All heavy atoms as atom14 arrays in JSON, in Angstrom:
{
  "sequence": "EDALLPLRRADTVWKMSYPKFPLYRRAHVWLLFCYLELGRLDDARAEW",
  "atom14_mask": [
    [1, 1, 1, 1, 1, 1, 1, 1, 1, 0, 0, 0, 0, 0],
    [1, 1, 1, 1, 1, 1, 1, 1, 0, 0, 0, 0, 0, 0],
    [1, 1, 1, 1, 1, 0, 0, 0, 0, 0, 0, 0, 0, 0],
    [1, 1, 1, 1, 1, 1, 1, 1, 0, 0, 0, 0, 0, 0],
    [1, 1, 1, 1, 1, 1, 1, 1, 0, 0, 0, 0, 0, 0],
    [1, 1, 1, 1, 1, 1, 1, 0, 0, 0, 0, 0, 0, 0],
    [1, 1, 1, 1, 1, 1, 1, 1, 0, 0, 0, 0, 0, 0],
    [1, 1, 1, 1, 1, 1, 1, 1, 1, 1, 1, 0, 0, 0],
    [1, 1, 1, 1, 1, 1, 1, 1, 1, 1, 1, 0, 0, 0],
    [1, 1, 1, 1, 1, 0, 0, 0, 0, 0, 0, 0, 0, 0],
    [1, 1, 1, 1, 1, 1, 1, 1, 0, 0, 0, 0, 0, 0],
    [1, 1, 1, 1, 1, 1, 1, 0, 0, 0, 0, 0, 0, 0],
    [1, 1, 1, 1, 1, 1, 1, 0, 0, 0, 0, 0, 0, 0],
    [1, 1, 1, 1, 1, 1, 1, 1, 1, 1, 1, 1, 1, 1],
    [1, 1, 1, 1, 1, 1, 1, 1, 1, 0, 0, 0, 0, 0],
    [1, 1, 1, 1, 1, 1, 1, 1, 0, 0, 0, 0, 0, 0],
    [1, 1, 1, 1, 1, 1, 0, 0, 0, 0, 0, 0, 0, 0],
    [1, 1, 1, 1, 1, 1, 1, 1, 1, 1, 1, 1, 0, 0],
    [1, 1, 1, 1, 1, 1, 1, 0, 0, 0, 0, 0, 0, 0],
    [1, 1, 1, 1, 1, 1, 1, 1, 1, 0, 0, 0, 0, 0],
    [1, 1, 1, 1, 1, 1, 1, 1, 1, 1, 1, 0, 0, 0],
    [1, 1, 1, 1, 1, 1, 1, 0, 0, 0, 0, 0, 0, 0],
    [1, 1, 1, 1, 1, 1, 1, 1, 0, 0, 0, 0, 0, 0],
    [1, 1, 1, 1, 1, 1, 1, 1, 1, 1, 1, 1, 0, 0],
    [1, 1, 1, 1, 1, 1, 1, 1, 1, 1, 1, 0, 0, 0],
    [1, 1, 1, 1, 1, 1, 1, 1, 1, 1, 1, 0, 0, 0],
    [1, 1, 1, 1, 1, 0, 0, 0, 0, 0, 0, 0, 0, 0],
    [1, 1, 1, 1, 1, 1, 1, 1, 1, 1, 0, 0, 0, 0],
    [1, 1, 1, 1, 1, 1, 1, 0, 0, 0, 0, 0, 0, 0],
    [1, 1, 1, 1, 1, 1, 1, 1, 1, 1, 1, 1, 1, 1],
    [1, 1, 1, 1, 1, 1, 1, 1, 0, 0, 0, 0, 0, 0],
    [1, 1, 1, 1, 1, 1, 1, 1, 0, 0, 0, 0, 0, 0],
    [1, 1, 1, 1, 1, 1, 1, 1, 1, 1, 1, 0, 0, 0],
    [1, 1, 1, 1, 1, 1, 0, 0, 0, 0, 0, 0, 0, 0],
    [1, 1, 1, 1, 1, 1, 1, 1, 1, 1, 1, 1, 0, 0],
    [1, 1, 1, 1, 1, 1, 1, 1, 0, 0, 0, 0, 0, 0],
    [1, 1, 1, 1, 1, 1, 1, 1, 1, 0, 0, 0, 0, 0],
    [1, 1, 1, 1, 1, 1, 1, 1, 0, 0, 0, 0, 0, 0],
    [1, 1, 1, 1, 0, 0, 0, 0, 0, 0, 0, 0, 0, 0],
    [1, 1, 1, 1, 1, 1, 1, 1, 1, 1, 1, 0, 0, 0],
    [1, 1, 1, 1, 1, 1, 1, 1, 0, 0, 0, 0, 0, 0],
    [1, 1, 1, 1, 1, 1, 1, 1, 0, 0, 0, 0, 0, 0],
    [1, 1, 1, 1, 1, 1, 1, 1, 0, 0, 0, 0, 0, 0],
    [1, 1, 1, 1, 1, 0, 0, 0, 0, 0, 0, 0, 0, 0],
    [1, 1, 1, 1, 1, 1, 1, 1, 1, 1, 1, 0, 0, 0],
    [1, 1, 1, 1, 1, 0, 0, 0, 0, 0, 0, 0, 0, 0],
    [1, 1, 1, 1, 1, 1, 1, 1, 1, 0, 0, 0, 0, 0],
    [1, 1, 1, 1, 1, 1, 1, 1, 1, 1, 1, 1, 1, 1]
  ],
  "atom14_positions": [
    [[122.3, 96.47, 100.37], [122.73, 97.28, 99.23], [121.88, 96.99, 98.0], [121.48, 97.91, 97.27], [124.2, 97.02, 98.92], [125.18, 97.64, 99.91], [125.38, 99.13, 99.7], [124.74, 99.7, 98.79], [126.16, 99.73, 100.46], [0.0, 0.0, 0.0], [0.0, 0.0, 0.0], [0.0, 0.0, 0.0], [0.0, 0.0, 0.0], [0.0, 0.0, 0.0]],
    [[121.59, 95.72, 97.76], [120.79, 95.33, 96.6], [119.38, 95.88, 96.69], [118.72, 96.1, 95.67], [120.73, 93.8, 96.48], [122.08, 93.18, 96.17], [122.97, 93.9, 95.69], [122.23, 91.97, 96.41], [0.0, 0.0, 0.0], [0.0, 0.0, 0.0], [0.0, 0.0, 0.0], [0.0, 0.0, 0.0], [0.0, 0.0, 0.0], [0.0, 0.0, 0.0]],
    [[118.89, 96.07, 97.91], [117.5, 96.51, 98.1], [117.31, 97.99, 97.79], [116.18, 98.41, 97.5], [117.07, 96.24, 99.54], [0.0, 0.0, 0.0], [0.0, 0.0, 0.0], [0.0, 0.0, 0.0], [0.0, 0.0, 0.0], [0.0, 0.0, 0.0], [0.0, 0.0, 0.0], [0.0, 0.0, 0.0], [0.0, 0.0, 0.0], [0.0, 0.0, 0.0]],
    [[118.36, 98.77, 97.82], [118.21, 100.22, 97.71], [117.6, 100.64, 96.38], [116.69, 101.49, 96.34], [119.56, 100.9, 97.91], [120.23, 100.7, 99.27], [121.59, 101.38, 99.3], [119.34, 101.23, 100.4], [0.0, 0.0, 0.0], [0.0, 0.0, 0.0], [0.0, 0.0, 0.0], [0.0, 0.0, 0.0], [0.0, 0.0, 0.0], [0.0, 0.0, 0.0]],
    [[118.08, 100.07, 95.28], [117.61, 100.51, 93.95], [116.13, 100.23, 93.74], [115.38, 101.14, 93.34], [118.46, 99.86, 92.85], [118.08, 100.26, 91.41], [118.17, 101.76, 91.23], [118.98, 99.54, 90.41], [0.0, 0.0, 0.0], [0.0, 0.0, 0.0], [0.0, 0.0, 0.0], [0.0, 0.0, 0.0], [0.0, 0.0, 0.0], [0.0, 0.0, 0.0]],
    [[115.63, 99.0, 93.97], [114.19, 98.8, 93.77], [113.33, 99.62, 94.71], [112.23, 100.05, 94.32], [114.0, 97.29, 94.0], [115.23, 96.81, 94.67], [116.33, 97.73, 94.25], [0.0, 0.0, 0.0], [0.0, 0.0, 0.0], [0.0, 0.0, 0.0], [0.0, 0.0, 0.0], [0.0, 0.0, 0.0], [0.0, 0.0, 0.0], [0.0, 0.0, 0.0]],
    [[113.8, 99.89, 95.92], [113.02, 100.74, 96.83], [112.95, 102.17, 96.3], [111.9, 102.82, 96.36], [113.63, 100.7, 98.23], [113.47, 99.38, 98.99], [114.31, 99.4, 100.27], [112.0, 99.11, 99.32], [0.0, 0.0, 0.0], [0.0, 0.0, 0.0], [0.0, 0.0, 0.0], [0.0, 0.0, 0.0], [0.0, 0.0, 0.0], [0.0, 0.0, 0.0]],
    [[114.05, 102.66, 95.77], [114.04, 104.01, 95.2], [113.18, 104.06, 93.94], [112.51, 105.05, 93.66], [115.47, 104.48, 94.92], [116.29, 104.66, 96.16], [117.27, 105.83, 96.04], [117.88, 106.13, 97.32], [117.34, 106.86, 98.26], [116.13, 107.4, 98.07], [117.96, 107.09, 99.4], [0.0, 0.0, 0.0], [0.0, 0.0, 0.0], [0.0, 0.0, 0.0]],
    [[113.22, 102.96, 93.16], [112.36, 102.88, 91.98], [110.89, 102.94, 92.38], [110.07, 103.57, 91.71], [112.63, 101.58, 91.24], [113.39, 101.81, 89.95], [113.43, 100.62, 89.06], [114.67, 100.63, 88.3], [115.54, 99.67, 88.26], [115.32, 98.56, 88.93], [116.63, 99.78, 87.55], [0.0, 0.0, 0.0], [0.0, 0.0, 0.0], [0.0, 0.0, 0.0]],
    [[110.55, 102.23, 93.45], [109.17, 102.23, 93.93], [108.71, 103.65, 94.24], [107.6, 104.07, 93.88], [109.05, 101.35, 95.17], [0.0, 0.0, 0.0], [0.0, 0.0, 0.0], [0.0, 0.0, 0.0], [0.0, 0.0, 0.0], [0.0, 0.0, 0.0], [0.0, 0.0, 0.0], [0.0, 0.0, 0.0], [0.0, 0.0, 0.0], [0.0, 0.0, 0.0]],
    [[109.58, 104.43, 94.89], [109.24, 105.8, 95.23], [109.08, 106.65, 93.99], [108.18, 107.48, 93.89], [110.32, 106.38, 96.15], [109.95, 107.75, 96.69], [108.85, 107.89, 97.25], [110.75, 108.69, 96.53], [0.0, 0.0, 0.0], [0.0, 0.0, 0.0], [0.0, 0.0, 0.0], [0.0, 0.0, 0.0], [0.0, 0.0, 0.0], [0.0, 0.0, 0.0]],
    [[109.95, 106.44, 93.0], [109.88, 107.2, 91.74], [108.58, 106.92, 91.0], [107.9, 107.84, 90.51], [111.08, 106.86, 90.85], [112.29, 107.22, 91.52], [111.0, 107.59, 89.52], [0.0, 0.0, 0.0], [0.0, 0.0, 0.0], [0.0, 0.0, 0.0], [0.0, 0.0, 0.0], [0.0, 0.0, 0.0], [0.0, 0.0, 0.0], [0.0, 0.0, 0.0]],
    [[108.23, 105.63, 90.9], [107.0, 105.26, 90.19], [105.79, 105.78, 90.93], [104.81, 106.24, 90.33], [106.92, 103.73, 90.01], [105.58, 103.31, 89.43], [108.05, 103.25, 89.11], [0.0, 0.0, 0.0], [0.0, 0.0, 0.0], [0.0, 0.0, 0.0], [0.0, 0.0, 0.0], [0.0, 0.0, 0.0], [0.0, 0.0, 0.0], [0.0, 0.0, 0.0]],
    [[105.83, 105.75, 92.27], [104.74, 106.3, 93.07], [104.55, 107.78, 92.74], [103.43, 108.26, 92.55], [105.04, 106.12, 94.56], [104.1, 106.86, 95.47], [104.17, 108.17, 95.85], [102.93, 106.33, 96.11], [103.14, 108.49, 96.7], [102.37, 107.38, 96.87], [102.32, 105.08, 96.13], [101.21, 107.21, 97.64], [101.17, 104.92, 96.9], [100.64, 105.97, 97.64]],
    [[105.64, 108.54, 92.68], [105.56, 109.98, 92.39], [104.93, 110.23, 91.03], [104.16, 111.18, 90.85], [106.96, 110.6, 92.42], [107.57, 110.69, 93.81], [109.0, 111.21, 93.74], [109.62, 111.24, 95.11], [111.06, 111.65, 95.07], [0.0, 0.0, 0.0], [0.0, 0.0, 0.0], [0.0, 0.0, 0.0], [0.0, 0.0, 0.0], [0.0, 0.0, 0.0]],
    [[105.26, 109.37, 90.06], [104.69, 109.51, 88.73], [103.19, 109.19, 88.74], [102.41, 109.79, 87.99], [105.41, 108.59, 87.75], [106.88, 108.95, 87.54], [107.79, 107.67, 86.64], [106.99, 107.73, 85.04], [0.0, 0.0, 0.0], [0.0, 0.0, 0.0], [0.0, 0.0, 0.0], [0.0, 0.0, 0.0], [0.0, 0.0, 0.0], [0.0, 0.0, 0.0]],
    [[102.78, 108.25, 89.59], [101.38, 107.83, 89.64], [100.53, 108.76, 90.48], [99.35, 108.97, 90.19], [101.29, 106.4, 90.2], [102.04, 105.49, 89.41], [0.0, 0.0, 0.0], [0.0, 0.0, 0.0], [0.0, 0.0, 0.0], [0.0, 0.0, 0.0], [0.0, 0.0, 0.0], [0.0, 0.0, 0.0], [0.0, 0.0, 0.0], [0.0, 0.0, 0.0]],
    [[101.13, 109.32, 91.55], [100.38, 110.16, 92.49], [101.15, 111.45, 92.74], [101.69, 111.66, 93.83], [100.14, 109.42, 93.79], [99.43, 108.1, 93.62], [100.15, 106.89, 93.65], [98.06, 108.05, 93.4], [99.5, 105.68, 93.48], [97.41, 106.83, 93.23], [98.13, 105.65, 93.26], [97.49, 104.46, 93.08], [0.0, 0.0, 0.0], [0.0, 0.0, 0.0]],
    [[101.19, 112.34, 91.76], [101.99, 113.57, 91.92], [101.52, 114.47, 93.05], [102.3, 115.27, 93.57], [101.83, 114.26, 90.55], [100.61, 113.64, 89.94], [100.55, 112.24, 90.45], [0.0, 0.0, 0.0], [0.0, 0.0, 0.0], [0.0, 0.0, 0.0], [0.0, 0.0, 0.0], [0.0, 0.0, 0.0], [0.0, 0.0, 0.0], [0.0, 0.0, 0.0]],
    [[100.26, 114.33, 93.47], [99.77, 115.15, 94.58], [100.26, 114.63, 95.93], [100.23, 115.34, 96.93], [98.24, 115.2, 94.56], [97.66, 115.99, 93.4], [96.13, 116.08, 93.52], [95.54, 116.89, 92.38], [94.06, 116.98, 92.5], [0.0, 0.0, 0.0], [0.0, 0.0, 0.0], [0.0, 0.0, 0.0], [0.0, 0.0, 0.0], [0.0, 0.0, 0.0]],
    [[100.67, 113.38, 95.95], [101.18, 112.76, 97.19], [102.54, 112.13, 96.87], [102.65, 110.92, 96.7], [100.2, 111.7, 97.7], [98.81, 112.2, 97.84], [97.87, 111.99, 96.83], [98.42, 112.92, 98.97], [96.57, 112.46, 96.96], [97.13, 113.39, 99.1], [96.2, 113.17, 98.09], [0.0, 0.0, 0.0], [0.0, 0.0, 0.0], [0.0, 0.0, 0.0]],
    [[103.57, 112.95, 96.74], [104.81, 112.51, 96.08], [105.77, 111.63, 96.88], [106.88, 111.39, 96.42], [105.48, 113.83, 95.73], [105.03, 114.77, 96.8], [103.64, 114.37, 97.12], [0.0, 0.0, 0.0], [0.0, 0.0, 0.0], [0.0, 0.0, 0.0], [0.0, 0.0, 0.0], [0.0, 0.0, 0.0], [0.0, 0.0, 0.0], [0.0, 0.0, 0.0]],
    [[105.38, 111.16, 98.06], [106.3, 110.35, 98.86], [105.65, 109.02, 99.21], [104.55, 108.98, 99.79], [106.69, 111.09, 100.14], [107.5, 112.38, 99.93], [107.65, 113.12, 101.24], [108.86, 112.06, 99.33], [0.0, 0.0, 0.0], [0.0, 0.0, 0.0], [0.0, 0.0, 0.0], [0.0, 0.0, 0.0], [0.0, 0.0, 0.0], [0.0, 0.0, 0.0]],
    [[106.31, 107.94, 98.87], [105.79, 106.6, 99.14], [106.35, 106.12, 100.47], [107.51, 105.73, 100.56], [106.19, 105.67, 97.99], [105.65, 104.26, 98.1], [104.46, 103.99, 98.76], [106.35, 103.21, 97.53], [103.97, 102.7, 98.84], [105.86, 101.9, 97.61], [104.66, 101.67, 98.27], [104.18, 100.38, 98.35], [0.0, 0.0, 0.0], [0.0, 0.0, 0.0]],
    [[105.52, 106.17, 101.48], [105.97, 105.91, 102.85], [106.66, 104.56, 102.99], [107.73, 104.45, 103.59], [104.78, 105.98, 103.81], [105.16, 105.76, 105.26], [103.91, 105.76, 106.13], [103.08, 104.59, 105.85], [101.8, 104.49, 106.22], [101.22, 105.48, 106.85], [101.12, 103.4, 105.96], [0.0, 0.0, 0.0], [0.0, 0.0, 0.0], [0.0, 0.0, 0.0]],
    [[106.04, 103.5, 102.45], [106.56, 102.16, 102.68], [107.99, 102.03, 102.15], [108.85, 101.41, 102.78], [105.66, 101.14, 102.0], [105.7, 99.77, 102.64], [105.12, 99.82, 104.03], [105.29, 98.53, 104.7], [105.41, 98.4, 105.99], [105.39, 99.46, 106.76], [105.54, 97.23, 106.55], [0.0, 0.0, 0.0], [0.0, 0.0, 0.0], [0.0, 0.0, 0.0]],
    [[108.26, 102.6, 100.99], [109.61, 102.51, 100.43], [110.61, 103.24, 101.32], [111.72, 102.74, 101.56], [109.63, 103.1, 99.01], [0.0, 0.0, 0.0], [0.0, 0.0, 0.0], [0.0, 0.0, 0.0], [0.0, 0.0, 0.0], [0.0, 0.0, 0.0], [0.0, 0.0, 0.0], [0.0, 0.0, 0.0], [0.0, 0.0, 0.0], [0.0, 0.0, 0.0]],
    [[110.23, 104.4, 101.83], [111.16, 105.16, 102.67], [111.39, 104.48, 104.02], [112.49, 104.57, 104.58], [110.64, 106.59, 102.85], [110.79, 107.44, 101.63], [112.02, 107.9, 101.21], [109.89, 107.86, 100.71], [111.85, 108.62, 100.09], [110.58, 108.59, 99.77], [0.0, 0.0, 0.0], [0.0, 0.0, 0.0], [0.0, 0.0, 0.0], [0.0, 0.0, 0.0]],
    [[110.38, 103.8, 104.54], [110.56, 103.06, 105.79], [111.61, 101.97, 105.61], [112.5, 101.79, 106.45], [109.22, 102.44, 106.25], [109.45, 101.43, 107.38], [108.28, 103.54, 106.73], [0.0, 0.0, 0.0], [0.0, 0.0, 0.0], [0.0, 0.0, 0.0], [0.0, 0.0, 0.0], [0.0, 0.0, 0.0], [0.0, 0.0, 0.0], [0.0, 0.0, 0.0]],
    [[111.54, 101.25, 104.49], [112.51, 100.17, 104.27], [113.87, 100.7, 103.85], [114.9, 100.07, 104.12], [111.94, 99.16, 103.29], [110.96, 98.28, 104.0], [109.61, 98.45, 104.09], [111.27, 97.14, 104.8], [109.06, 97.48, 104.89], [110.05, 96.67, 105.34], [112.45, 96.47, 105.11], [109.99, 95.54, 106.18], [112.39, 95.36, 105.94], [111.17, 94.91, 106.46]],
    [[113.92, 101.86, 103.21], [115.21, 102.5, 102.96], [115.87, 102.88, 104.29], [117.07, 102.69, 104.47], [115.03, 103.74, 102.08], [114.8, 103.48, 100.6], [114.29, 104.74, 99.9], [116.09, 102.99, 99.93], [0.0, 0.0, 0.0], [0.0, 0.0, 0.0], [0.0, 0.0, 0.0], [0.0, 0.0, 0.0], [0.0, 0.0, 0.0], [0.0, 0.0, 0.0]],
    [[115.08, 103.4, 105.21], [115.59, 103.72, 106.55], [116.16, 102.47, 107.2], [117.27, 102.5, 107.78], [114.45, 104.3, 107.4], [114.68, 104.45, 108.9], [115.88, 105.36, 109.18], [113.42, 104.98, 109.58], [0.0, 0.0, 0.0], [0.0, 0.0, 0.0], [0.0, 0.0, 0.0], [0.0, 0.0, 0.0], [0.0, 0.0, 0.0], [0.0, 0.0, 0.0]],
    [[115.45, 101.36, 107.12], [115.92, 100.1, 107.7], [117.25, 99.67, 107.07], [118.2, 99.31, 107.78], [114.87, 99.01, 107.49], [115.34, 97.63, 107.82], [115.46, 97.21, 109.13], [115.68, 96.73, 106.82], [115.9, 95.94, 109.45], [116.12, 95.45, 107.12], [116.24, 95.05, 108.44], [0.0, 0.0, 0.0], [0.0, 0.0, 0.0], [0.0, 0.0, 0.0]],
    [[117.32, 99.71, 105.75], [118.55, 99.28, 105.07], [119.74, 100.13, 105.48], [120.84, 99.6, 105.74], [118.36, 99.34, 103.55], [117.25, 98.08, 102.9], [0.0, 0.0, 0.0], [0.0, 0.0, 0.0], [0.0, 0.0, 0.0], [0.0, 0.0, 0.0], [0.0, 0.0, 0.0], [0.0, 0.0, 0.0], [0.0, 0.0, 0.0], [0.0, 0.0, 0.0]],
    [[119.56, 101.44, 105.54], [120.67, 102.31, 105.92], [121.09, 102.07, 107.38], [122.29, 102.15, 107.69], [120.29, 103.77, 105.71], [120.26, 104.17, 104.25], [119.18, 104.88, 103.71], [121.32, 103.85, 103.4], [119.17, 105.24, 102.36], [121.3, 104.21, 102.05], [120.22, 104.9, 101.55], [120.2, 105.25, 100.22], [0.0, 0.0, 0.0], [0.0, 0.0, 0.0]],
    [[120.13, 101.76, 108.24], [120.48, 101.41, 109.62], [121.34, 100.15, 109.65], [122.36, 100.09, 110.35], [119.21, 101.2, 110.45], [118.45, 102.44, 110.89], [117.1, 102.04, 111.49], [119.25, 103.24, 111.9], [0.0, 0.0, 0.0], [0.0, 0.0, 0.0], [0.0, 0.0, 0.0], [0.0, 0.0, 0.0], [0.0, 0.0, 0.0], [0.0, 0.0, 0.0]],
    [[120.93, 99.13, 108.91], [121.67, 97.88, 108.9], [123.05, 98.05, 108.27], [124.0, 97.36, 108.64], [120.88, 96.8, 108.16], [119.59, 96.39, 108.86], [119.85, 95.8, 110.23], [120.68, 94.87, 110.34], [119.23, 96.27, 111.21], [0.0, 0.0, 0.0], [0.0, 0.0, 0.0], [0.0, 0.0, 0.0], [0.0, 0.0, 0.0], [0.0, 0.0, 0.0]],
    [[123.18, 98.98, 107.32], [124.46, 99.24, 106.67], [125.34, 100.18, 107.49], [126.51, 100.39, 107.15], [124.22, 99.85, 105.28], [123.62, 98.91, 104.23], [123.16, 99.71, 103.01], [124.65, 97.85, 103.81], [0.0, 0.0, 0.0], [0.0, 0.0, 0.0], [0.0, 0.0, 0.0], [0.0, 0.0, 0.0], [0.0, 0.0, 0.0], [0.0, 0.0, 0.0]],
    [[124.79, 100.77, 108.55], [125.56, 101.71, 109.36], [125.74, 103.07, 108.71], [126.6, 103.85, 109.13], [0.0, 0.0, 0.0], [0.0, 0.0, 0.0], [0.0, 0.0, 0.0], [0.0, 0.0, 0.0], [0.0, 0.0, 0.0], [0.0, 0.0, 0.0], [0.0, 0.0, 0.0], [0.0, 0.0, 0.0], [0.0, 0.0, 0.0], [0.0, 0.0, 0.0]],
    [[124.92, 103.39, 107.71], [125.0, 104.68, 107.01], [124.03, 105.64, 107.69], [122.93, 105.89, 107.21], [124.7, 104.48, 105.53], [125.77, 103.68, 104.82], [125.37, 103.2, 103.43], [124.97, 104.28, 102.54], [124.69, 104.09, 101.24], [124.81, 102.87, 100.71], [124.29, 105.08, 100.48], [0.0, 0.0, 0.0], [0.0, 0.0, 0.0], [0.0, 0.0, 0.0]],
    [[124.47, 106.21, 108.8], [123.56, 106.96, 109.64], [123.12, 108.28, 109.03], [121.99, 108.73, 109.27], [124.2, 107.21, 111.01], [124.49, 105.95, 111.84], [124.98, 106.34, 113.23], [123.26, 105.06, 111.94], [0.0, 0.0, 0.0], [0.0, 0.0, 0.0], [0.0, 0.0, 0.0], [0.0, 0.0, 0.0], [0.0, 0.0, 0.0], [0.0, 0.0, 0.0]],
    [[123.97, 108.92, 108.23], [123.55, 110.16, 107.58], [122.4, 109.9, 106.61], [121.42, 110.66, 106.56], [124.73, 110.8, 106.84], [125.74, 111.42, 107.8], [125.36, 111.67, 108.97], [126.89, 111.62, 107.38], [0.0, 0.0, 0.0], [0.0, 0.0, 0.0], [0.0, 0.0, 0.0], [0.0, 0.0, 0.0], [0.0, 0.0, 0.0], [0.0, 0.0, 0.0]],
    [[122.53, 108.81, 105.84], [121.44, 108.45, 104.92], [120.19, 108.04, 105.69], [119.07, 108.37, 105.3], [121.88, 107.31, 104.0], [122.95, 107.73, 103.01], [122.85, 108.86, 102.48], [123.87, 106.95, 102.76], [0.0, 0.0, 0.0], [0.0, 0.0, 0.0], [0.0, 0.0, 0.0], [0.0, 0.0, 0.0], [0.0, 0.0, 0.0], [0.0, 0.0, 0.0]],
    [[120.38, 107.32, 106.78], [119.24, 106.91, 107.61], [118.54, 108.14, 108.18], [117.3, 108.2, 108.21], [119.71, 106.0, 108.74], [0.0, 0.0, 0.0], [0.0, 0.0, 0.0], [0.0, 0.0, 0.0], [0.0, 0.0, 0.0], [0.0, 0.0, 0.0], [0.0, 0.0, 0.0], [0.0, 0.0, 0.0], [0.0, 0.0, 0.0], [0.0, 0.0, 0.0]],
    [[119.32, 109.11, 108.6], [118.73, 110.33, 109.16], [117.91, 111.06, 108.1], [116.81, 111.57, 108.39], [119.85, 111.24, 109.69], [119.34, 112.42, 110.5], [120.48, 113.27, 111.02], [121.24, 112.59, 112.07], [122.48, 112.11, 111.91], [123.09, 112.21, 110.73], [123.09, 111.52, 112.92], [0.0, 0.0, 0.0], [0.0, 0.0, 0.0], [0.0, 0.0, 0.0]],
    [[118.43, 111.11, 106.87], [117.69, 111.77, 105.79], [116.38, 111.05, 105.5], [115.34, 111.7, 105.27], [118.56, 111.81, 104.52], [0.0, 0.0, 0.0], [0.0, 0.0, 0.0], [0.0, 0.0, 0.0], [0.0, 0.0, 0.0], [0.0, 0.0, 0.0], [0.0, 0.0, 0.0], [0.0, 0.0, 0.0], [0.0, 0.0, 0.0], [0.0, 0.0, 0.0]],
    [[116.41, 109.73, 105.52], [115.17, 108.97, 105.29], [114.18, 109.18, 106.43], [112.97, 109.28, 106.19], [115.48, 107.48, 105.14], [116.19, 107.11, 103.85], [115.39, 107.49, 102.61], [114.14, 107.44, 102.67], [116.0, 107.82, 101.59], [0.0, 0.0, 0.0], [0.0, 0.0, 0.0], [0.0, 0.0, 0.0], [0.0, 0.0, 0.0], [0.0, 0.0, 0.0]],
    [[114.67, 109.25, 107.65], [113.77, 109.44, 108.78], [113.09, 110.81, 108.7], [111.91, 110.93, 109.04], [114.52, 109.3, 110.1], [113.7, 109.63, 111.3], [113.93, 110.58, 112.24], [112.47, 108.99, 111.7], [112.94, 110.59, 113.2], [112.03, 109.61, 112.88], [111.71, 107.95, 111.15], [110.86, 109.23, 113.54], [110.54, 107.58, 111.81], [110.13, 108.22, 112.98]]
  ]
}
């Protein structure tokens, strides 16, 4: 749960830095992992 906010921040800052490539893969991979470990499958599916 604690990891979610900084990972989302990483994606936001990436979008601001690289607007032509607006998705930061590494952050979304670890968001997917966190949602899997939390059992939040709908959120995990969205990240995937």
